[in-house]
Amino acid sequence: MEELKRRNTQLEEQLKDFKEKEKVLRTELERTRMRLHFIEEAEERLCCQMGELEAEAVAQARVYQQHVKELSDQLTAALGLLRSTNSVIS
């Protein structure tokens, strides 16, 4: 009988320990879930920002490309004028 009481006491202590550990793990799990939620929100914000930056970069590249084309056209016109002037002088 004493052995059963002793064993019962041990089991009760183990159960208490397991319940405490479970509580700690549940708290840790909840903290981890919250961190994950914040990380997912941050990831979404970063994706939006990256999309906006990419769109801005494309727009700037188009403006730059148009500017280069205009300068190239001006250079071609200037060279043509220069050649025609040299032809007249020669």
Protein backbone atom coordinates (compact mmCIF):
# COMPACT_ATOMS: atom_id res chain seq x y z
CA MET A 1 0.00 0.00 0.00
CA GLU A 2 2.81 2.40 0.89
CA GLU A 3 4.43 1.60 -2.44
CA LEU A 4 1.22 2.56 -4.25
CA LYS A 5 0.97 5.83 -2.35
CA ARG A 6 4.59 6.62 -3.11
CA ARG A 7 4.09 5.78 -6.77
CA ASN A 8 0.91 7.86 -6.89
CA THR A 9 2.76 10.83 -5.39
CA GLN A 10 5.51 10.44 -7.98
CA LEU A 11 2.97 10.32 -10.79
CA GLU A 12 1.20 13.40 -9.45
CA GLU A 13 4.50 15.27 -9.33
CA GLN A 14 5.31 14.20 -12.86
CA LEU A 15 1.87 15.30 -14.01
CA LYS A 16 2.36 18.68 -12.34
CA ASP A 17 5.78 19.06 -14.02
CA PHE A 18 4.34 18.11 -17.40
CA LYS A 19 1.50 20.60 -17.01
CA GLU A 20 3.97 23.36 -16.14
CA LYS A 21 6.13 22.49 -19.12
CA GLU A 22 3.05 22.37 -21.35
CA LYS A 23 2.03 25.84 -20.16
CA VAL A 24 5.51 27.19 -20.89
CA LEU A 25 5.50 25.56 -24.34
CA ARG A 26 2.04 26.93 -25.14
CA THR A 27 3.17 30.42 -24.18
CA GLU A 28 6.27 30.04 -26.32
CA LEU A 29 4.15 28.71 -29.20
CA GLU A 30 1.85 31.73 -28.97
CA ARG A 31 4.83 34.10 -29.00
CA THR A 32 6.20 32.28 -32.02
CA ARG A 33 2.85 32.55 -33.80
CA MET A 34 2.76 36.29 -33.12
CA ARG A 35 6.31 36.74 -34.41
CA LEU A 36 5.37 34.77 -37.52
CA HIS A 37 2.33 36.99 -38.04
CA PHE A 38 4.48 40.14 -37.76
CA ILE A 39 7.07 38.65 -40.11
CA GLU A 40 4.39 37.80 -42.67
CA GLU A 41 3.05 41.37 -42.50
CA ALA A 42 6.55 42.76 -42.91
CA GLU A 43 7.13 40.47 -45.89
CA GLU A 44 3.93 41.76 -47.51
CA ARG A 45 5.00 45.36 -46.97
CA LEU A 46 8.43 44.64 -48.43
CA CYS A 47 6.89 42.97 -51.48
CA CYS A 48 4.68 46.01 -52.05
CA GLN A 49 7.63 48.35 -51.68
CA MET A 50 9.72 46.24 -54.05
CA GLY A 51 6.90 46.31 -56.60
CA GLU A 52 6.65 50.09 -56.32
CA LEU A 53 10.43 50.46 -56.65
CA GLU A 54 10.48 48.16 -59.66
CA ALA A 55 7.72 50.19 -61.35
CA GLU A 56 9.61 53.40 -60.59
CA ALA A 57 12.85 51.92 -61.96
CA VAL A 58 11.10 50.88 -65.18
CA ALA A 59 9.63 54.37 -65.57
CA GLN A 60 13.03 55.98 -64.99
CA ALA A 61 14.65 53.59 -67.46
CA ARG A 62 12.09 54.56 -70.09
CA VAL A 63 12.71 58.27 -69.49
CA TYR A 64 16.46 57.72 -69.67
CA GLN A 65 16.13 55.64 -72.84
CA GLN A 66 13.99 58.36 -74.44
CA HIS A 67 16.56 60.99 -73.43
CA VAL A 68 19.38 58.93 -74.95
CA LYS A 69 17.36 58.52 -78.16
CA GLU A 70 16.74 62.29 -78.35
CA LEU A 71 20.46 62.98 -77.84
CA SER A 72 21.33 60.38 -80.46
CA ASP A 73 18.89 61.97 -82.92
CA GLN A 74 20.40 65.41 -82.22
CA LEU A 75 23.88 64.04 -82.76
CA THR A 76 22.84 62.40 -86.02
CA ALA A 77 21.28 65.67 -87.19
CA ALA A 78 24.37 67.65 -86.17
CA LEU A 79 26.66 65.21 -87.97
CA GLY A 80 24.45 65.40 -91.06
CA LEU A 81 24.56 69.19 -90.95
CA LEU A 82 28.33 69.11 -90.46
CA ARG A 83 28.76 66.75 -93.44
CA SER A 84 26.56 68.84 -95.64
CA THR A 85 28.47 71.97 -94.61
CA ASN A 86 31.78 70.24 -95.36
CA SER A 87 30.43 69.16 -98.77
CA VAL A 88 29.48 72.72 -99.62
CA ILE A 89 32.89 74.08 -98.51
CA SER A 90 34.87 71.44 -100.42
